[in-house]
Protein backbone atom coordinates (compact mmCIF):
# COMPACT_ATOMS: atom_id res chain seq x y z
CA MET A 1 78.91 75.19 27.95
CA LYS A 2 75.12 74.89 28.18
CA ASP A 3 75.09 71.48 26.44
CA PHE A 4 77.82 70.18 28.74
CA ILE A 5 76.01 71.29 31.90
CA LYS A 6 72.73 69.77 30.69
CA VAL A 7 74.39 66.34 30.26
CA MET A 8 76.23 66.53 33.58
CA LYS A 9 73.04 67.47 35.44
CA ALA A 10 71.17 64.62 33.76
CA LEU A 11 73.86 62.18 34.88
CA SER A 12 73.98 63.51 38.44
CA ASP A 13 71.12 61.29 39.58
CA PRO A 14 71.74 57.57 40.21
CA ASN A 15 68.27 56.63 38.93
CA ARG A 16 68.93 58.35 35.61
CA VAL A 17 72.27 56.59 35.25
CA THR A 18 70.49 53.31 36.00
CA VAL A 19 67.92 54.09 33.28
CA LEU A 20 70.74 54.58 30.78
CA LYS A 21 72.43 51.34 31.82
CA LEU A 22 69.14 49.45 31.44
CA LEU A 23 68.49 51.01 28.05
CA GLN A 24 71.93 49.77 26.96
CA ARG A 25 70.51 46.28 27.40
CA ARG A 26 67.20 46.80 25.60
CA VAL A 27 64.42 49.20 24.63
CA MET A 28 62.00 49.65 27.53
CA CYS A 29 58.66 51.34 28.20
CA VAL A 30 57.89 53.51 31.22
CA CYS A 31 56.13 50.72 33.13
CA GLU A 32 59.14 48.40 32.70
CA LEU A 33 61.49 51.11 33.95
CA GLN A 34 59.08 51.83 36.79
CA ALA A 35 59.14 48.17 37.82
CA ALA A 36 62.92 47.95 37.54
CA LEU A 37 63.55 51.10 39.58
CA ASP A 38 60.61 50.67 41.98
CA LEU A 39 59.61 54.31 41.46
CA ALA A 40 56.33 56.07 40.74
CA GLN A 41 55.38 56.47 37.08
CA SER A 42 55.54 60.26 37.36
CA THR A 43 59.07 60.09 38.77
CA VAL A 44 60.26 57.78 35.98
CA SER A 45 58.65 60.06 33.39
CA LYS A 46 60.41 63.08 34.89
CA HIS A 47 63.77 61.27 34.73
CA LEU A 48 63.13 60.30 31.11
CA ARG A 49 62.24 63.88 30.20
CA ILE A 50 65.52 65.13 31.70
CA LEU A 51 67.48 62.45 29.83
CA GLU A 52 65.68 63.33 26.61
CA GLU A 53 66.38 67.06 27.05
CA ALA A 54 70.08 66.19 27.48
CA SER A 55 70.03 64.27 24.15
CA LEU A 56 70.69 60.94 25.87
CA VAL A 57 67.44 59.07 25.15
CA THR A 58 64.70 59.10 22.58
CA TRP A 59 61.28 57.52 22.30
CA SER A 60 59.07 56.00 19.66
CA LYS A 61 55.45 54.99 19.71
CA GLU A 62 54.42 51.42 18.93
CA GLY A 63 50.66 51.07 19.26
CA LEU A 64 49.87 51.76 22.91
CA TRP A 65 53.53 51.52 23.93
CA VAL A 66 56.00 54.37 24.18
CA ASN A 67 59.42 52.78 23.83
CA TYR A 68 62.53 54.48 25.19
CA SER A 69 66.02 53.84 23.89
CA LEU A 70 69.42 55.47 23.89
CA LEU A 71 69.79 58.15 21.26
CA ALA A 72 71.88 56.54 18.51
CA ASP A 73 73.52 59.70 17.20
CA PRO A 74 73.16 62.50 19.76
CA PRO A 75 73.52 66.03 18.36
CA ASN A 76 75.14 67.01 21.67
CA PRO A 77 78.82 65.90 21.53
CA TYR A 78 78.96 65.62 25.33
CA ALA A 79 75.97 63.29 25.35
CA ALA A 80 77.58 61.17 22.62
CA ALA A 81 80.84 60.93 24.58
CA MET A 82 79.11 60.02 27.83
CA LEU A 83 76.97 57.33 26.17
CA ARG A 84 80.11 55.80 24.63
CA ASN A 85 81.87 55.78 27.99
CA LEU A 86 78.86 54.47 29.91
CA GLU A 87 78.95 51.36 27.73
CA HIS A 88 82.02 50.29 29.71
CA TRP A 89 81.51 52.03 33.04
CA LEU A 90 79.62 50.58 36.04
CA GLU A 91 79.15 47.13 34.52
CA GLU A 92 80.05 45.51 37.84
CA ALA A 93 78.14 47.92 40.10
CA PRO A 94 76.30 45.78 42.71
CA GLY A 95 72.85 47.31 42.23
CA LEU A 96 73.10 47.10 38.47
CA THR A 97 74.30 43.52 38.28
CA GLU A 98 71.29 42.46 40.35
CA LEU A 99 68.95 44.43 38.07
CA TYR A 100 70.52 42.84 34.99
CA MET A 101 69.74 39.39 36.42
CA HIS A 102 66.06 40.31 36.86
CA LEU A 103 65.71 42.13 33.54
CA PRO A 104 64.29 39.09 31.69
CA GLU A 105 61.42 38.99 34.21
CA ILE A 106 60.57 42.66 33.69
CA ARG A 107 58.35 42.42 30.62
CA ARG A 108 55.62 44.85 29.66
CA GLU A 109 53.26 42.00 28.85
CA ASN A 110 53.33 40.97 32.50
CA ILE A 111 53.31 44.33 34.26
CA CYS A 112 51.77 47.05 32.10
CA GLY A 113 48.04 47.54 31.96
CA ALA A 114 47.28 47.54 28.27
């Protein structure tokens, strides 16, 4: 039950669901997610940590960048099921469709101090 509760708690915040929906579109760094969500870096990092602990996202380092992506093969079966379902859910949600339109403009090269 612990794994189930961890995933459900991670998905109980709209910002974390938005992060997952954005990561369905492409790999993103913290500063890109920060710009998309209009949140403080520390808040975005906290959300990412919760998503990582729930086996929903992973990260990899590329030079100075820390890239976040959806976990391809989550060890938690509840995380795997939710990620599969989220592929189809909320695609027409008003806030998300607007974010999707602006996603091409949210590029690390333009917004991150590197």
